[in-house]
């Protein structure tokens, strides 16, 4: 599968997952319709599905117009069926959704919202994490609890290390500054920051990341690190994560 990154709104990313053989595509979290339509028409690709990770407007804003224009089906979490506009296909946690060459396993990862899910195209090792896991960060906790978000991130940590992560926003540089402030001896992080700045200087996305990169560099996945715990004066992983999340909210 080919993944095309579509910049939307101010700092959102939507993604087209394209079956190049059949010229078919799914769009993940269309913030707005126009950039998606422009790409599809330029490349002569047929849109078949909209996949939503959660109900926030900057992830579903293009649903209605895209559905009307292309007669596509909207796919989302069953528990969010009343909050995702135009939804047609309701999925449960750990369910596999499949259409022709598209095949994705759904994981319920609450915290940012109560109904947040991710889409794992496991055969291609592509993971679309919405606003739960960012490159070098994680989402704010709006509807869930610290423990829910902590558990959701721990689940994502178990995916194969070479899995590519496609998240909902271009927050990587700002996230890196927070990580470095609280994990200043992390050499892998310092190396990654150099690459991040190079990409941004060339005007290209810092996405995708990988599970391996995030395990090494994302402080929200490193709450088991003894030095980080010592610096924060915390004694366990959940307390460390919770304190980091509070600190990031005011960073």
Foldseek 3Di string as FASTA:
>chain_A
DDKDWFDDDPWWTKIWDAPVVVLETEIFQQQAAVSVVVVCVVVVGAYAEYEYQDQDNSRQVHVPVCCVVRVHAYEFAQVCVVRRPRHDHHDYAQDWDDDVPQIWGKHQQAFLHNRGIWTASPVVLEIEREQADDQLEHHAGDHDDLVSSLVSVVVVLPRPQARWYDYTGQCNQVSLVLQCVLPVVQPLSVVLNVVCVVCVVVVHGSDTDTSNSCCRGRVLNVLVPPSSCVVVVHDDSSVSNVVSSVVVVVD
